Amino acid sequence: MGDQPPMDDQPTISTHVLDTELGQPAAGVMVRLYGPDDRLAGEATTDGDGRVRRLLGEPLTVGEYRIEFELDAAFFRRAVLTFRVADIGRSYHVPLLLAPYSIASYRGS
């Protein structure tokens, strides 16, 4: 354990939720991350800036991850994004952009 770097120095998965209708961050959104084994790998609520800076509570591994956003919006109730991690030497940032009748995401940096 003493040979491993602190979690803050390890690659992770982060997100940022933005409410494009209001033009501001979406604070208080519950976010859950599931790892390659379909096991819960982290969960958090977005902060006042709409961010979760470190969603992954364990070392990053190669495989398919799933992020679930509990939106509690009038039309969209939940958004689920599935993505593949191929390079465990870098962090992954997966933002979510919300509007009343659309959702978008992209691979952030």
C-alpha atoms as a PDB file:
ATOM      1  CA  MET A   1       0.000   0.000   0.000  1.00  0.00           C
ATOM      2  CA  GLY A   2       2.893   2.382   0.699  1.00  0.00           C
ATOM      3  CA  ASP A   3       4.139   1.935  -2.893  1.00  0.00           C
ATOM      4  CA  GLN A   4       0.895   3.153  -4.466  1.00  0.00           C
ATOM      5  CA  PRO A   5       0.390   6.870  -5.222  1.00  0.00           C
ATOM      6  CA  PRO A   6      -2.476   8.613  -3.432  1.00  0.00           C
ATOM      7  CA  MET A   7      -5.844   8.367  -5.226  1.00  0.00           C
ATOM      8  CA  ASP A   8      -5.652  12.091  -6.084  1.00  0.00           C
ATOM      9  CA  ASP A   9      -2.636  11.351  -8.298  1.00  0.00           C
ATOM     10  CA  GLN A  10      -4.233   8.436 -10.164  1.00  0.00           C
ATOM     11  CA  PRO A  11      -6.296   8.702 -13.357  1.00  0.00           C
ATOM     12  CA  THR A  12     -10.007   8.936 -12.662  1.00  0.00           C
ATOM     13  CA  ILE A  13     -13.408   9.558 -14.191  1.00  0.00           C
ATOM     14  CA  SER A  14     -15.055  12.944 -13.696  1.00  0.00           C
ATOM     15  CA  THR A  15     -18.170  14.706 -14.941  1.00  0.00           C
ATOM     16  CA  HIS A  16     -19.734  18.151 -15.249  1.00  0.00           C
ATOM     17  CA  VAL A  17     -23.483  18.653 -15.639  1.00  0.00           C
ATOM     18  CA  LEU A  18     -24.647  21.887 -17.262  1.00  0.00           C
ATOM     19  CA  ASP A  19     -28.208  23.163 -17.568  1.00  0.00           C
ATOM     20  CA  THR A  20     -28.131  24.839 -20.983  1.00  0.00           C
ATOM     21  CA  GLU A  21     -31.664  26.217 -20.614  1.00  0.00           C
ATOM     22  CA  LEU A  22     -30.667  28.257 -17.570  1.00  0.00           C
ATOM     23  CA  GLY A  23     -27.063  28.733 -18.674  1.00  0.00           C
ATOM     24  CA  GLN A  24     -25.651  27.464 -15.398  1.00  0.00           C
ATOM     25  CA  PRO A  25     -24.225  24.372 -13.697  1.00  0.00           C
ATOM     26  CA  ALA A  26     -26.662  21.710 -12.517  1.00  0.00           C
ATOM     27  CA  ALA A  27     -25.920  21.344  -8.804  1.00  0.00           C
ATOM     28  CA  GLY A  28     -27.303  18.490  -6.725  1.00  0.00           C
ATOM     29  CA  VAL A  29     -27.498  15.832  -9.452  1.00  0.00           C
ATOM     30  CA  MET A  30     -26.909  12.295  -8.130  1.00  0.00           C
ATOM     31  CA  VAL A  31     -24.348  10.490 -10.302  1.00  0.00           C
ATOM     32  CA  ARG A  32     -23.473   6.787 -10.119  1.00  0.00           C
ATOM     33  CA  LEU A  33     -20.597   5.088 -11.907  1.00  0.00           C
ATOM     34  CA  TYR A  34     -20.568   1.370 -12.667  1.00  0.00           C
ATOM     35  CA  GLY A  35     -17.326  -0.379 -13.594  1.00  0.00           C
ATOM     36  CA  PRO A  36     -16.440  -3.099 -16.091  1.00  0.00           C
ATOM     37  CA  ASP A  37     -17.823  -5.775 -13.787  1.00  0.00           C
ATOM     38  CA  ASP A  38     -21.144  -3.854 -13.571  1.00  0.00           C
ATOM     39  CA  ARG A  39     -20.414  -3.137  -9.905  1.00  0.00           C
ATOM     40  CA  LEU A  40     -20.959   0.309  -8.378  1.00  0.00           C
ATOM     41  CA  ALA A  41     -17.528   1.986  -8.619  1.00  0.00           C
ATOM     42  CA  GLY A  42     -18.483   5.386  -7.220  1.00  0.00           C
ATOM     43  CA  GLU A  43     -21.316   7.781  -6.559  1.00  0.00           C
ATOM     44  CA  ALA A  44     -21.561  11.449  -5.706  1.00  0.00           C
ATOM     45  CA  THR A  45     -23.767  14.502  -6.024  1.00  0.00           C
ATOM     46  CA  THR A  46     -22.656  17.352  -8.282  1.00  0.00           C
ATOM     47  CA  ASP A  47     -21.268  20.330  -6.382  1.00  0.00           C
ATOM     48  CA  GLY A  48     -22.290  23.989  -6.757  1.00  0.00           C
ATOM     49  CA  ASP A  49     -20.348  24.144 -10.019  1.00  0.00           C
ATOM     50  CA  GLY A  50     -22.166  21.052 -11.365  1.00  0.00           C
ATOM     51  CA  ARG A  51     -19.012  18.928 -11.066  1.00  0.00           C
ATOM     52  CA  VAL A  52     -17.886  15.631  -9.656  1.00  0.00           C
ATOM     53  CA  ARG A  53     -14.112  15.851  -9.855  1.00  0.00           C
ATOM     54  CA  ARG A  54     -13.376  12.272  -8.803  1.00  0.00           C
ATOM     55  CA  LEU A  55     -16.209   9.830  -9.384  1.00  0.00           C
ATOM     56  CA  LEU A  56     -14.096   6.676  -9.397  1.00  0.00           C
ATOM     57  CA  GLY A  57     -13.234   5.445  -5.897  1.00  0.00           C
ATOM     58  CA  GLU A  58     -10.799   2.759  -7.040  1.00  0.00           C
ATOM     59  CA  PRO A  59      -8.002   2.368  -9.604  1.00  0.00           C
ATOM     60  CA  LEU A  60      -9.037   2.827 -13.241  1.00  0.00           C
ATOM     61  CA  THR A  61      -9.123  -0.388 -15.277  1.00  0.00           C
ATOM     62  CA  VAL A  62      -9.664  -1.162 -18.958  1.00  0.00           C
ATOM     63  CA  GLY A  63     -13.258  -1.925 -19.882  1.00  0.00           C
ATOM     64  CA  GLU A  64     -16.746  -0.571 -20.258  1.00  0.00           C
ATOM     65  CA  TYR A  65     -18.075   1.936 -17.707  1.00  0.00           C
ATOM     66  CA  ARG A  66     -21.588   3.297 -17.240  1.00  0.00           C
ATOM     67  CA  ILE A  67     -22.560   6.640 -15.698  1.00  0.00           C
ATOM     68  CA  GLU A  68     -26.143   7.160 -14.546  1.00  0.00           C
ATOM     69  CA  PHE A  69     -27.427  10.676 -13.882  1.00  0.00           C
ATOM     70  CA  GLU A  70     -30.608  11.048 -11.782  1.00  0.00           C
ATOM     71  CA  LEU A  71     -32.070  14.176 -13.360  1.00  0.00           C
ATOM     72  CA  ASP A  72     -35.501  14.638 -11.792  1.00  0.00           C
ATOM     73  CA  ALA A  73     -36.393  16.918 -14.711  1.00  0.00           C
ATOM     74  CA  ALA A  74     -39.859  17.419 -16.150  1.00  0.00           C
ATOM     75  CA  PHE A  75     -39.212  15.229 -19.218  1.00  0.00           C
ATOM     76  CA  PHE A  76     -35.914  13.351 -18.733  1.00  0.00           C
ATOM     77  CA  ARG A  77     -35.746  11.447 -15.458  1.00  0.00           C
ATOM     78  CA  ARG A  78     -32.433   9.644 -15.939  1.00  0.00           C
ATOM     79  CA  ALA A  79     -29.584   9.714 -18.434  1.00  0.00           C
ATOM     80  CA  VAL A  80     -27.285   6.719 -18.886  1.00  0.00           C
ATOM     81  CA  LEU A  81     -23.976   6.936 -20.752  1.00  0.00           C
ATOM     82  CA  THR A  82     -21.829   3.901 -21.502  1.00  0.00           C
ATOM     83  CA  PHE A  83     -18.234   4.383 -22.632  1.00  0.00           C
ATOM     84  CA  ARG A  84     -15.042   2.393 -23.033  1.00  0.00           C
ATOM     85  CA  VAL A  85     -11.796   3.022 -21.167  1.00  0.00           C
ATOM     86  CA  ALA A  86      -8.834   1.795 -23.215  1.00  0.00           C
ATOM     87  CA  ASP A  87      -5.974   3.856 -21.762  1.00  0.00           C
ATOM     88  CA  ILE A  88      -5.662   3.664 -17.975  1.00  0.00           C
ATOM     89  CA  GLY A  89      -2.815   6.175 -18.015  1.00  0.00           C
ATOM     90  CA  ARG A  90      -5.173   9.135 -18.513  1.00  0.00           C
ATOM     91  CA  SER A  91      -8.289  10.468 -16.816  1.00  0.00           C
ATOM     92  CA  TYR A  92     -11.700  10.513 -18.513  1.00  0.00           C
ATOM     93  CA  HIS A  93     -14.050  13.491 -18.309  1.00  0.00           C
ATOM     94  CA  VAL A  94     -17.641  12.816 -19.422  1.00  0.00           C
ATOM     95  CA  PRO A  95     -19.798  15.997 -19.304  1.00  0.00           C
ATOM     96  CA  LEU A  96     -23.572  16.086 -19.679  1.00  0.00           C
ATOM     97  CA  LEU A  97     -25.436  19.016 -21.248  1.00  0.00           C
ATOM     98  CA  LEU A  98     -29.136  19.300 -20.383  1.00  0.00           C
ATOM     99  CA  ALA A  99     -31.982  21.140 -22.051  1.00  0.00           C
ATOM    100  CA  PRO A 100     -35.717  20.619 -21.548  1.00  0.00           C
ATOM    101  CA  TYR A 101     -36.016  18.172 -24.466  1.00  0.00           C
ATOM    102  CA  SER A 102     -32.444  17.216 -25.341  1.00  0.00           C
ATOM    103  CA  ILE A 103     -29.344  15.736 -23.769  1.00  0.00           C
ATOM    104  CA  ALA A 104     -25.817  15.760 -25.157  1.00  0.00           C
ATOM    105  CA  SER A 105     -22.437  14.490 -24.044  1.00  0.00           C
ATOM    106  CA  TYR A 106     -18.903  14.370 -25.356  1.00  0.00           C
ATOM    107  CA  ARG A 107     -15.439  13.179 -24.386  1.00  0.00           C
ATOM    108  CA  GLY A 108     -14.009  16.063 -22.432  1.00  0.00           C
ATOM    109  CA  SER A 109     -10.453  16.792 -21.482  1.00  0.00           C
END
